[in-house]
Structures are given as structure tokens and as C-alpha cells.
């Protein structure tokens, strides 16, 4: 279900979060991740990666990613409601109220709804607002 490029995206996310982790053969590890995770959805794998990053100091094993991905419950896509929530978060940011966890949760919902560019925009805006409010 997930493509090689999407597995690479998840792998890059985890590699960025754990810069000290240096596998002896990253290409072979990436191939193993692809073989064992290809039946998962990108949204489930991103959920697993972000959850693991929040819970562990160490790069995840494939089994850990699978276990976390199995716990993913896709939200019901709400279409325009996602954009309305984004506007609400922007309004709150203008008032000086920025909760990065809310922004990330919304980005994951955009991804689950197949709106990857919307998720990218949400994350980018959250970074901009965080910089402005710092």
C-alpha cells in the first residue's frame, strides 16, 4: 500500500529525529523497512513514527513501528472542516497562542485524508508562527 518513496520519507523522518543512529548498511535497513511495512498506509506509518519519536530516545525497530502503526485509527476525513480548523489555529497563533501538538495532529489528519500538500502547509505555517512568537 505504501510506496518506496513514502517509506523513504518515514525513514528520513526517523533518521532526522535520531541523528546519532548510524546503521552500518542504511540501504539494507531501508529495504527491510520497505519489505515489512509495505502493507501499511503512509498515515499509519507517520503516526507510528511521530508517536515513537515522542516516546523513545532510540531509533525504532521494525516491530516497534508495526505495533504502533497497528494502533492507528484513521480519523474520518472532514474535507472543508480540516481547512476551517487550520484557520482557527492561525487565528489563535495571531493572538499568541500556539500549540505545536495541535498543529501536528491536524497535519496528520490532512495526510490521512490524502491531502499531503495541506499537511505540508500546516507544518510549514506552524514553524513560521513558532519563529515569530519566539
Protein backbone atom coordinates (compact mmCIF):
# COMPACT_ATOMS: atom_id res chain seq x y z
CA UNK A 1 0.00 0.00 0.00
CA UNK A 2 2.84 2.39 0.80
CA UNK A 3 5.36 3.25 -1.90
CA UNK A 4 9.13 3.08 -1.72
CA UNK A 5 9.30 6.89 -1.75
CA UNK A 6 6.87 7.07 1.17
CA UNK A 7 8.90 4.51 3.16
CA UNK A 8 11.94 6.64 2.40
CA UNK A 9 10.05 9.69 3.74
CA UNK A 10 9.28 7.87 7.01
CA UNK A 11 12.86 6.59 7.24
CA UNK A 12 14.20 10.13 6.71
CA UNK A 13 11.88 11.46 9.41
CA UNK A 14 13.18 8.88 11.87
CA UNK A 15 16.80 9.46 10.81
CA UNK A 16 16.37 13.19 11.40
CA UNK A 17 14.83 12.61 14.81
CA UNK A 18 17.65 10.23 15.81
CA UNK A 19 20.81 11.78 14.29
CA UNK A 20 23.14 9.64 16.42
CA UNK A 21 21.77 6.45 14.87
CA UNK A 22 24.06 5.34 12.09
CA UNK A 23 23.21 1.90 10.67
CA UNK A 24 26.13 0.01 9.16
CA UNK A 25 24.13 -0.58 5.98
CA UNK A 26 21.34 2.00 5.64
CA UNK A 27 20.31 0.74 2.19
CA UNK A 28 19.74 -2.78 3.52
CA UNK A 29 17.82 -1.41 6.51
CA UNK A 30 15.66 0.71 4.22
CA UNK A 31 14.97 -2.39 2.10
CA UNK A 32 13.91 -4.30 5.23
CA UNK A 33 11.62 -1.44 6.25
CA UNK A 34 10.08 -1.49 2.79
CA UNK A 35 9.57 -5.27 2.78
CA UNK A 36 7.96 -5.37 6.22
CA UNK A 37 5.98 -2.13 6.13
CA UNK A 38 4.73 -2.00 2.55
CA UNK A 39 1.26 -3.24 3.51
CA UNK A 40 0.72 -0.25 5.83
CA UNK A 41 -0.66 3.15 4.91
CA UNK A 42 1.51 6.25 4.91
CA UNK A 43 -0.73 7.85 7.53
CA UNK A 44 -0.32 4.83 9.85
CA UNK A 45 3.46 4.86 9.41
CA UNK A 46 3.70 8.61 10.02
CA UNK A 47 1.56 8.18 13.11
CA UNK A 48 3.86 5.38 14.28
CA UNK A 49 6.99 7.43 13.60
CA UNK A 50 5.74 10.56 15.36
CA UNK A 51 4.43 8.53 18.30
CA UNK A 52 7.73 6.69 18.63
CA UNK A 53 9.69 9.96 18.49
CA UNK A 54 7.65 11.27 21.41
CA UNK A 55 8.07 8.07 23.44
CA UNK A 56 11.61 6.84 22.86
CA UNK A 57 15.19 8.04 22.78
CA UNK A 58 16.19 5.28 20.35
CA UNK A 59 15.63 4.54 16.69
CA UNK A 60 12.69 2.10 16.36
CA UNK A 61 12.88 -1.50 15.32
CA UNK A 62 10.59 -2.62 12.53
CA UNK A 63 8.49 -4.47 15.11
CA UNK A 64 8.02 -1.27 17.10
CA UNK A 65 6.86 0.61 14.01
CA UNK A 66 4.43 -2.20 13.13
CA UNK A 67 3.00 -2.27 16.65
CA UNK A 68 2.48 1.50 16.72
CA UNK A 69 1.05 1.51 13.18
CA UNK A 70 -1.49 -1.12 14.22
CA UNK A 71 -2.75 1.32 16.86
CA UNK A 72 -3.50 3.96 14.26
CA UNK A 73 -7.18 4.79 13.88
CA UNK A 74 -7.76 6.92 10.80
CA UNK A 75 -9.87 9.97 11.53
CA UNK A 76 -12.97 10.49 9.48
CA UNK A 77 -11.93 12.97 6.79
CA UNK A 78 -13.95 16.09 7.21
CA UNK A 79 -13.00 17.85 4.00
CA UNK A 80 -13.54 21.58 4.44
CA UNK A 81 -13.62 21.15 8.24
CA UNK A 82 -9.88 20.46 8.18
CA UNK A 83 -9.27 23.80 6.50
CA UNK A 84 -11.60 25.52 8.98
CA UNK A 85 -9.59 24.04 11.85
CA UNK A 86 -6.42 25.33 10.21
CA UNK A 87 -7.91 28.82 10.11
CA UNK A 88 -8.81 28.53 13.80
CA UNK A 89 -5.24 27.56 14.65
CA UNK A 90 -3.93 30.50 12.62
CA UNK A 91 -6.30 32.87 14.41
CA UNK A 92 -5.07 31.56 17.76
CA UNK A 93 -1.45 31.97 16.62
CA UNK A 94 -2.14 35.60 15.74
CA UNK A 95 -3.32 36.01 19.33
CA UNK A 96 -0.05 34.48 20.58
CA UNK A 97 -1.49 31.04 21.36
CA UNK A 98 0.50 28.33 19.56
CA UNK A 99 0.26 24.65 20.47
CA UNK A 100 2.64 22.67 18.22
CA UNK A 101 0.93 19.38 19.15
CA UNK A 102 -2.41 20.66 17.79
CA UNK A 103 -0.74 21.73 14.56
CA UNK A 104 0.95 18.34 14.14
CA UNK A 105 -2.29 16.47 14.90
CA UNK A 106 -4.05 18.49 12.21
CA UNK A 107 -1.23 17.81 9.74
CA UNK A 108 -1.57 14.06 10.38
CA UNK A 109 -5.32 14.34 9.73
CA UNK A 110 -4.62 16.11 6.44
CA UNK A 111 -2.30 13.23 5.48
CA UNK A 112 -4.91 10.65 6.47
CA UNK A 113 -7.40 12.43 4.23
CA UNK A 114 -4.92 12.16 1.34
CA UNK A 115 -4.18 15.87 1.45
CA UNK A 116 -0.38 15.68 1.75
CA UNK A 117 0.20 19.22 0.46
CA UNK A 118 -2.21 20.52 3.10
CA UNK A 119 -0.23 18.67 5.77
CA UNK A 120 2.98 20.21 4.45
CA UNK A 121 1.40 23.70 4.58
CA UNK A 122 0.22 23.16 8.16
CA UNK A 123 3.68 22.10 9.32
CA UNK A 124 5.36 24.98 7.47
CA UNK A 125 2.96 27.52 8.96
CA UNK A 126 3.47 26.11 12.45
CA UNK A 127 7.22 26.60 12.04
CA UNK A 128 6.75 30.16 10.84
CA UNK A 129 4.42 31.07 13.69
CA UNK A 130 6.74 29.43 16.22
CA UNK A 131 9.63 31.52 14.90
CA UNK A 132 7.56 34.70 15.00
CA UNK A 133 6.35 34.05 18.55
CA UNK A 134 9.79 33.07 19.88
